[in-house]
Amino acid sequence: MDNPKTRRPRRTNKDLRNDILNAASEVIKNEGFAKSSLMRIVNLAKVESTVFHRHFGDWEEFMDIYTRKYDYWFSDVIDSIEKNQCTEKEFRSIMHGLFDDLNSNIIMQELLKWEICDENTITKRTAQMREFNTMPLVRRFQRVFAESDVKIGSLSALLIGGVYYLILHKKLSPFSGIDVNNRDGQEEIHYAIDFFTDVIFNRIKERGIEDRIAKRLRLNGVSEDIIKDSVYLCNN
């Protein structure tokens, strides 16, 4: 007599949750966020839709949980905020990490594509939540540059936006001769990040030198007009 068909071991709640998340990743990597759906995910995970709802609520709640879990930016930014570190080293590390993580994170690339191409409740919320979680760090860096002429918010926006575009565009063609699909292209971008970081933070150092020059000249009774001219000459 043949043995009864072996039954699949009963999955724990943790197993079910992980299977659903893994199935979602598989669907999104292959088809993108826009074409993903609850039914595709539960079919791949081999669970009933009621199990999905029990663990994650409705579709929008699931997307909130999923995007937060796989968003490269949340973990790095929140970690920096908790450490209260707004130094040149930290800025450099965040920008390098952004490029490396996004370049290898297909899920995050698909999320950004979805946000750009499809304006809906979920994409608005994921984009706004990323901005909401980033702003405390931006404000801290703004305080670092408060006594300089550096607008760190706009400069960071251009750097981050440039990284986004280079990576989302990489399957189409190189950009300005830079191909971030290969190591040489990636090293070029890391060089650029270091270059811009040096330029940005050197403005603080230059301002410190200007202040010391101005203070010494004032102590020697030099007029403000001459002080302004002297500081100008130091920078040109």
C-alpha atoms as a PDB file:
ATOM      1  CA  MET A   1       0.000   0.000   0.000  1.00  0.00           C
ATOM      2  CA  ASP A   2       1.339   3.421  -0.949  1.00  0.00           C
ATOM      3  CA  ASN A   3       2.206   5.845   1.798  1.00  0.00           C
ATOM      4  CA  PRO A   4      -0.177   8.784   2.203  1.00  0.00           C
ATOM      5  CA  LYS A   5       0.956  11.931   0.428  1.00  0.00           C
ATOM      6  CA  THR A   6       3.359  13.892   2.626  1.00  0.00           C
ATOM      7  CA  ARG A   7       1.640  16.962   4.010  1.00  0.00           C
ATOM      8  CA  ARG A   8       3.385  20.319   4.090  1.00  0.00           C
ATOM      9  CA  PRO A   9       4.419  21.300   7.642  1.00  0.00           C
ATOM     10  CA  ARG A  10       2.113  23.857   9.192  1.00  0.00           C
ATOM     11  CA  ARG A  11       3.613  27.336   8.899  1.00  0.00           C
ATOM     12  CA  THR A  12       3.978  29.596  11.920  1.00  0.00           C
ATOM     13  CA  ASN A  13       2.699  33.166  11.887  1.00  0.00           C
ATOM     14  CA  LYS A  14       6.275  34.331  11.373  1.00  0.00           C
ATOM     15  CA  ASP A  15       6.666  31.942   8.429  1.00  0.00           C
ATOM     16  CA  LEU A  16       3.435  33.171   6.862  1.00  0.00           C
ATOM     17  CA  ARG A  17       4.416  36.797   7.260  1.00  0.00           C
ATOM     18  CA  ASN A  18       7.861  36.207   5.762  1.00  0.00           C
ATOM     19  CA  ASP A  19       6.413  34.185   2.882  1.00  0.00           C
ATOM     20  CA  ILE A  20       4.051  37.044   2.024  1.00  0.00           C
ATOM     21  CA  LEU A  21       6.845  39.641   2.158  1.00  0.00           C
ATOM     22  CA  ASN A  22       9.149  37.445   0.074  1.00  0.00           C
ATOM     23  CA  ALA A  23       6.405  36.844  -2.471  1.00  0.00           C
ATOM     24  CA  ALA A  24       5.800  40.594  -2.695  1.00  0.00           C
ATOM     25  CA  SER A  25       9.503  41.173  -3.350  1.00  0.00           C
ATOM     26  CA  GLU A  26       9.504  38.565  -6.105  1.00  0.00           C
ATOM     27  CA  VAL A  27       6.470  40.090  -7.817  1.00  0.00           C
ATOM     28  CA  ILE A  28       7.810  43.649  -7.526  1.00  0.00           C
ATOM     29  CA  LYS A  29      11.295  42.765  -8.792  1.00  0.00           C
ATOM     30  CA  ASN A  30       9.824  41.090 -11.864  1.00  0.00           C
ATOM     31  CA  GLU A  31       6.869  43.351 -12.612  1.00  0.00           C
ATOM     32  CA  GLY A  32       7.231  46.552 -10.588  1.00  0.00           C
ATOM     33  CA  PHE A  33       4.943  48.082  -7.988  1.00  0.00           C
ATOM     34  CA  ALA A  34       2.330  49.268 -10.477  1.00  0.00           C
ATOM     35  CA  LYS A  35       1.581  45.722 -11.666  1.00  0.00           C
ATOM     36  CA  SER A  36       1.735  44.089  -8.257  1.00  0.00           C
ATOM     37  CA  SER A  37      -1.513  43.041  -6.621  1.00  0.00           C
ATOM     38  CA  LEU A  38      -2.803  41.293  -3.553  1.00  0.00           C
ATOM     39  CA  MET A  39      -3.905  38.245  -5.558  1.00  0.00           C
ATOM     40  CA  ARG A  40      -0.531  37.812  -7.283  1.00  0.00           C
ATOM     41  CA  ILE A  41       1.241  37.969  -3.946  1.00  0.00           C
ATOM     42  CA  VAL A  42      -1.041  35.565  -2.055  1.00  0.00           C
ATOM     43  CA  ASN A  43      -0.975  33.089  -4.946  1.00  0.00           C
ATOM     44  CA  LEU A  44       2.818  33.096  -4.998  1.00  0.00           C
ATOM     45  CA  ALA A  45       2.987  32.866  -1.195  1.00  0.00           C
ATOM     46  CA  LYS A  46       0.368  30.071  -1.269  1.00  0.00           C
ATOM     47  CA  VAL A  47      -1.832  31.684   1.373  1.00  0.00           C
ATOM     48  CA  GLU A  48      -5.468  32.731   1.496  1.00  0.00           C
ATOM     49  CA  SER A  49      -6.323  36.419   1.225  1.00  0.00           C
ATOM     50  CA  THR A  50      -7.803  36.226   4.728  1.00  0.00           C
ATOM     51  CA  VAL A  51      -4.343  35.297   6.033  1.00  0.00           C
ATOM     52  CA  PHE A  52      -2.877  38.307   4.242  1.00  0.00           C
ATOM     53  CA  HIS A  53      -5.455  40.645   5.812  1.00  0.00           C
ATOM     54  CA  ARG A  54      -4.951  39.160   9.258  1.00  0.00           C
ATOM     55  CA  HIS A  55      -1.227  39.920   9.156  1.00  0.00           C
ATOM     56  CA  PHE A  56      -1.141  43.197   7.231  1.00  0.00           C
ATOM     57  CA  GLY A  57      -4.604  44.730   7.128  1.00  0.00           C
ATOM     58  CA  ASP A  58      -5.657  46.149   3.766  1.00  0.00           C
ATOM     59  CA  TRP A  59      -3.516  46.705   0.663  1.00  0.00           C
ATOM     60  CA  GLU A  60      -2.503  50.259   1.578  1.00  0.00           C
ATOM     61  CA  GLU A  61      -1.467  49.218   5.084  1.00  0.00           C
ATOM     62  CA  PHE A  62       0.622  46.423   3.597  1.00  0.00           C
ATOM     63  CA  MET A  63       2.345  48.838   1.213  1.00  0.00           C
ATOM     64  CA  ASP A  64       3.134  51.196   4.094  1.00  0.00           C
ATOM     65  CA  ILE A  65       4.758  48.343   6.014  1.00  0.00           C
ATOM     66  CA  TYR A  66       6.529  46.953   2.967  1.00  0.00           C
ATOM     67  CA  THR A  67       7.960  50.222   1.644  1.00  0.00           C
ATOM     68  CA  ARG A  68       9.155  51.253   5.087  1.00  0.00           C
ATOM     69  CA  LYS A  69      10.936  47.916   5.473  1.00  0.00           C
ATOM     70  CA  TYR A  70      12.739  48.184   2.142  1.00  0.00           C
ATOM     71  CA  ASP A  71      13.309  51.931   1.905  1.00  0.00           C
ATOM     72  CA  TYR A  72      17.111  52.413   2.077  1.00  0.00           C
ATOM     73  CA  TRP A  73      16.713  56.001   3.273  1.00  0.00           C
ATOM     74  CA  PHE A  74      14.733  55.401   6.460  1.00  0.00           C
ATOM     75  CA  SER A  75      17.304  53.254   8.248  1.00  0.00           C
ATOM     76  CA  ASP A  76      20.304  55.459   7.399  1.00  0.00           C
ATOM     77  CA  VAL A  77      18.599  58.750   8.207  1.00  0.00           C
ATOM     78  CA  ILE A  78      16.948  57.583  11.418  1.00  0.00           C
ATOM     79  CA  ASP A  79      20.260  56.073  12.555  1.00  0.00           C
ATOM     80  CA  SER A  80      22.007  59.402  11.913  1.00  0.00           C
ATOM     81  CA  ILE A  81      19.307  61.333  13.775  1.00  0.00           C
ATOM     82  CA  GLU A  82      19.559  59.013  16.773  1.00  0.00           C
ATOM     83  CA  LYS A  83      23.353  59.419  16.847  1.00  0.00           C
ATOM     84  CA  ASN A  84      22.912  63.202  16.550  1.00  0.00           C
ATOM     85  CA  GLN A  85      25.852  63.306  14.153  1.00  0.00           C
ATOM     86  CA  CYS A  86      25.894  66.109  11.585  1.00  0.00           C
ATOM     87  CA  THR A  87      29.550  66.141  10.648  1.00  0.00           C
ATOM     88  CA  GLU A  88      31.368  66.166   7.335  1.00  0.00           C
ATOM     89  CA  LYS A  89      32.132  62.472   7.841  1.00  0.00           C
ATOM     90  CA  GLU A  90      28.455  61.693   8.427  1.00  0.00           C
ATOM     91  CA  PHE A  91      27.303  63.670   5.373  1.00  0.00           C
ATOM     92  CA  ARG A  92      29.872  61.907   3.209  1.00  0.00           C
ATOM     93  CA  SER A  93      28.841  58.504   4.587  1.00  0.00           C
ATOM     94  CA  ILE A  94      25.135  59.151   3.969  1.00  0.00           C
ATOM     95  CA  MET A  95      25.711  60.189   0.350  1.00  0.00           C
ATOM     96  CA  HIS A  96      28.014  57.268  -0.430  1.00  0.00           C
ATOM     97  CA  GLY A  97      25.584  54.902   1.280  1.00  0.00           C
ATOM     98  CA  LEU A  98      22.667  56.346  -0.673  1.00  0.00           C
ATOM     99  CA  PHE A  99      24.392  55.661  -3.986  1.00  0.00           C
ATOM    100  CA  ASP A 100      25.590  52.157  -3.109  1.00  0.00           C
ATOM    101  CA  ASP A 101      22.342  51.039  -1.476  1.00  0.00           C
ATOM    102  CA  LEU A 102      20.056  52.395  -4.175  1.00  0.00           C
ATOM    103  CA  ASN A 103      22.264  51.057  -6.967  1.00  0.00           C
ATOM    104  CA  SER A 104      21.900  47.519  -5.604  1.00  0.00           C
ATOM    105  CA  ASN A 105      18.340  47.783  -4.256  1.00  0.00           C
ATOM    106  CA  ILE A 106      15.949  46.784  -7.054  1.00  0.00           C
ATOM    107  CA  ILE A 107      12.910  47.143  -4.794  1.00  0.00           C
ATOM    108  CA  MET A 108      13.777  50.746  -3.967  1.00  0.00           C
ATOM    109  CA  GLN A 109      14.428  51.535  -7.620  1.00  0.00           C
ATOM    110  CA  GLU A 110      10.990  50.173  -8.482  1.00  0.00           C
ATOM    111  CA  LEU A 111       9.412  52.230  -5.700  1.00  0.00           C
ATOM    112  CA  LEU A 112      10.969  55.455  -7.006  1.00  0.00           C
ATOM    113  CA  LYS A 113       9.833  54.631 -10.547  1.00  0.00           C
ATOM    114  CA  TRP A 114       6.324  54.040  -9.242  1.00  0.00           C
ATOM    115  CA  GLU A 115       6.306  57.339  -7.354  1.00  0.00           C
ATOM    116  CA  ILE A 116       7.423  59.212 -10.486  1.00  0.00           C
ATOM    117  CA  CYS A 117       4.990  57.511 -12.868  1.00  0.00           C
ATOM    118  CA  ASP A 118       1.866  56.984 -10.764  1.00  0.00           C
ATOM    119  CA  GLU A 119       0.327  59.623  -8.518  1.00  0.00           C
ATOM    120  CA  ASN A 120      -1.877  57.781  -6.040  1.00  0.00           C
ATOM    121  CA  THR A 121      -2.521  57.603  -2.307  1.00  0.00           C
ATOM    122  CA  ILE A 122       0.253  55.094  -1.657  1.00  0.00           C
ATOM    123  CA  THR A 123       2.965  56.770  -3.742  1.00  0.00           C
ATOM    124  CA  LYS A 124       2.159  60.170  -2.261  1.00  0.00           C
ATOM    125  CA  ARG A 125       2.369  58.757   1.239  1.00  0.00           C
ATOM    126  CA  THR A 126       5.661  56.903   0.685  1.00  0.00           C
ATOM    127  CA  ALA A 127       7.283  59.984  -0.847  1.00  0.00           C
ATOM    128  CA  GLN A 128       5.930  62.278   1.866  1.00  0.00           C
ATOM    129  CA  MET A 129       6.982  59.902   4.646  1.00  0.00           C
ATOM    130  CA  ARG A 130      10.516  59.783   3.241  1.00  0.00           C
ATOM    131  CA  GLU A 131      10.568  63.580   3.227  1.00  0.00           C
ATOM    132  CA  PHE A 132       9.074  63.752   6.728  1.00  0.00           C
ATOM    133  CA  ASN A 133      11.725  61.405   8.110  1.00  0.00           C
ATOM    134  CA  THR A 134      14.540  63.198   6.290  1.00  0.00           C
ATOM    135  CA  MET A 135      13.732  66.767   7.338  1.00  0.00           C
ATOM    136  CA  PRO A 136      14.974  66.520  10.967  1.00  0.00           C
ATOM    137  CA  LEU A 137      18.412  65.601   9.624  1.00  0.00           C
ATOM    138  CA  VAL A 138      18.282  68.369   7.002  1.00  0.00           C
ATOM    139  CA  ARG A 139      17.426  70.919   9.705  1.00  0.00           C
ATOM    140  CA  ARG A 140      20.358  69.768  11.826  1.00  0.00           C
ATOM    141  CA  PHE A 141      22.755  70.186   8.927  1.00  0.00           C
ATOM    142  CA  GLN A 142      21.209  73.588   8.225  1.00  0.00           C
ATOM    143  CA  ARG A 143      22.161  74.637  11.750  1.00  0.00           C
ATOM    144  CA  VAL A 144      25.731  73.495  11.069  1.00  0.00           C
ATOM    145  CA  PHE A 145      25.852  75.840   8.049  1.00  0.00           C
ATOM    146  CA  ALA A 146      23.796  78.640   9.615  1.00  0.00           C
ATOM    147  CA  GLU A 147      26.759  81.056   9.750  1.00  0.00           C
ATOM    148  CA  SER A 148      27.857  80.343   6.172  1.00  0.00           C
ATOM    149  CA  ASP A 149      26.417  81.017   2.724  1.00  0.00           C
ATOM    150  CA  VAL A 150      25.841  77.286   2.102  1.00  0.00           C
ATOM    151  CA  LYS A 151      22.234  76.288   1.385  1.00  0.00           C
ATOM    152  CA  ILE A 152      22.639  72.661   2.366  1.00  0.00           C
ATOM    153  CA  GLY A 153      19.002  71.766   1.652  1.00  0.00           C
ATOM    154  CA  SER A 154      19.123  72.731  -2.021  1.00  0.00           C
ATOM    155  CA  LEU A 155      22.629  71.323  -2.517  1.00  0.00           C
ATOM    156  CA  SER A 156      21.599  68.001  -0.971  1.00  0.00           C
ATOM    157  CA  ALA A 157      18.467  67.939  -3.123  1.00  0.00           C
ATOM    158  CA  LEU A 158      20.558  68.270  -6.294  1.00  0.00           C
ATOM    159  CA  LEU A 159      23.021  65.598  -5.170  1.00  0.00           C
ATOM    160  CA  ILE A 160      20.297  63.140  -4.200  1.00  0.00           C
ATOM    161  CA  GLY A 161      18.205  63.888  -7.289  1.00  0.00           C
ATOM    162  CA  GLY A 162      21.264  63.325  -9.467  1.00  0.00           C
ATOM    163  CA  VAL A 163      21.936  59.970  -7.826  1.00  0.00           C
ATOM    164  CA  TYR A 164      18.287  58.976  -8.326  1.00  0.00           C
ATOM    165  CA  TYR A 165      18.368  59.809 -12.024  1.00  0.00           C
ATOM    166  CA  LEU A 166      21.715  58.152 -12.767  1.00  0.00           C
ATOM    167  CA  ILE A 167      20.534  54.892 -11.224  1.00  0.00           C
ATOM    168  CA  LEU A 168      16.994  54.880 -12.625  1.00  0.00           C
ATOM    169  CA  HIS A 169      18.400  55.726 -16.073  1.00  0.00           C
ATOM    170  CA  LYS A 170      21.237  53.185 -16.028  1.00  0.00           C
ATOM    171  CA  LYS A 171      19.486  50.477 -18.061  1.00  0.00           C
ATOM    172  CA  LEU A 172      18.950  52.887 -20.959  1.00  0.00           C
ATOM    173  CA  SER A 173      22.403  54.357 -21.570  1.00  0.00           C
ATOM    174  CA  PRO A 174      25.401  55.997 -19.887  1.00  0.00           C
ATOM    175  CA  PHE A 175      24.911  59.596 -18.759  1.00  0.00           C
ATOM    176  CA  SER A 176      27.634  62.151 -19.534  1.00  0.00           C
ATOM    177  CA  GLY A 177      29.831  59.179 -20.318  1.00  0.00           C
ATOM    178  CA  ILE A 178      29.263  57.641 -16.868  1.00  0.00           C
ATOM    179  CA  ASP A 179      27.955  54.074 -16.764  1.00  0.00           C
ATOM    180  CA  VAL A 180      27.026  53.188 -13.179  1.00  0.00           C
ATOM    181  CA  ASN A 181      26.502  49.560 -14.177  1.00  0.00           C
ATOM    182  CA  ASN A 182      30.259  49.019 -13.944  1.00  0.00           C
ATOM    183  CA  ARG A 183      32.886  49.655 -11.288  1.00  0.00           C
ATOM    184  CA  ASP A 184      34.613  52.484 -13.161  1.00  0.00           C
ATOM    185  CA  GLY A 185      31.372  54.434 -13.424  1.00  0.00           C
ATOM    186  CA  GLN A 186      30.560  53.817  -9.775  1.00  0.00           C
ATOM    187  CA  GLU A 187      34.002  55.052  -8.728  1.00  0.00           C
ATOM    188  CA  GLU A 188      33.439  58.221 -10.767  1.00  0.00           C
ATOM    189  CA  ILE A 189      30.282  58.952  -8.776  1.00  0.00           C
ATOM    190  CA  HIS A 190      32.019  58.274  -5.462  1.00  0.00           C
ATOM    191  CA  TYR A 191      34.742  60.708  -6.542  1.00  0.00           C
ATOM    192  CA  ALA A 192      32.081  63.329  -7.334  1.00  0.00           C
ATOM    193  CA  ILE A 193      30.423  62.832  -3.929  1.00  0.00           C
ATOM    194  CA  ASP A 194      33.768  63.351  -2.181  1.00  0.00           C
ATOM    195  CA  PHE A 195      34.524  66.394  -4.328  1.00  0.00           C
ATOM    196  CA  PHE A 196      31.204  68.118  -3.603  1.00  0.00           C
ATOM    197  CA  THR A 197      31.406  67.239   0.094  1.00  0.00           C
ATOM    198  CA  ASP A 198      34.860  68.848   0.293  1.00  0.00           C
ATOM    199  CA  VAL A 199      33.629  71.984  -1.478  1.00  0.00           C
ATOM    200  CA  ILE A 200      30.542  72.286   0.730  1.00  0.00           C
ATOM    201  CA  PHE A 201      32.281  71.792   4.069  1.00  0.00           C
ATOM    202  CA  ASN A 202      35.291  73.905   3.117  1.00  0.00           C
ATOM    203  CA  ARG A 203      32.929  76.878   3.130  1.00  0.00           C
ATOM    204  CA  ILE A 204      32.603  76.513   6.907  1.00  0.00           C
ATOM    205  CA  LYS A 205      36.379  76.402   7.286  1.00  0.00           C
ATOM    206  CA  GLU A 206      36.757  79.455   5.037  1.00  0.00           C
ATOM    207  CA  ARG A 207      34.169  81.339   7.075  1.00  0.00           C
ATOM    208  CA  GLY A 208      36.129  80.562  10.229  1.00  0.00           C
ATOM    209  CA  ILE A 209      39.289  82.015   8.666  1.00  0.00           C
ATOM    210  CA  GLU A 210      37.373  85.121   7.545  1.00  0.00           C
ATOM    211  CA  ASP A 211      36.013  85.670  11.051  1.00  0.00           C
ATOM    212  CA  ARG A 212      39.473  85.389  12.611  1.00  0.00           C
ATOM    213  CA  ILE A 213      40.932  87.860  10.099  1.00  0.00           C
ATOM    214  CA  ALA A 214      38.094  90.329  10.685  1.00  0.00           C
ATOM    215  CA  LYS A 215      38.424  90.046  14.467  1.00  0.00           C
ATOM    216  CA  ARG A 216      42.161  90.715  14.397  1.00  0.00           C
ATOM    217  CA  LEU A 217      41.745  93.710  12.091  1.00  0.00           C
ATOM    218  CA  ARG A 218      39.045  95.197  14.335  1.00  0.00           C
ATOM    219  CA  LEU A 219      41.317  94.832  17.358  1.00  0.00           C
ATOM    220  CA  ASN A 220      43.872  96.895  15.462  1.00  0.00           C
ATOM    221  CA  GLY A 221      41.352  99.642  14.725  1.00  0.00           C
ATOM    222  CA  VAL A 222      40.914  98.886  11.026  1.00  0.00           C
ATOM    223  CA  SER A 223      37.726 100.270   9.459  1.00  0.00           C
ATOM    224  CA  GLU A 224      34.886  97.977   8.409  1.00  0.00           C
ATOM    225  CA  ASP A 225      35.303  98.944   4.738  1.00  0.00           C
ATOM    226  CA  ILE A 226      38.935  97.827   4.761  1.00  0.00           C
ATOM    227  CA  ILE A 227      37.990  94.655   6.654  1.00  0.00           C
ATOM    228  CA  LYS A 228      35.415  93.795   3.988  1.00  0.00           C
ATOM    229  CA  ASP A 229      37.970  94.395   1.242  1.00  0.00           C
ATOM    230  CA  SER A 230      40.553  92.267   3.064  1.00  0.00           C
ATOM    231  CA  VAL A 231      38.155  89.366   3.543  1.00  0.00           C
ATOM    232  CA  TYR A 232      37.137  89.630  -0.117  1.00  0.00           C
ATOM    233  CA  LEU A 233      40.777  89.450  -1.230  1.00  0.00           C
ATOM    234  CA  CYS A 234      41.292  86.321   0.897  1.00  0.00           C
ATOM    235  CA  ASN A 235      38.546  84.572  -1.055  1.00  0.00           C
ATOM    236  CA  ASN A 236      39.613  85.687  -4.531  1.00  0.00           C
END
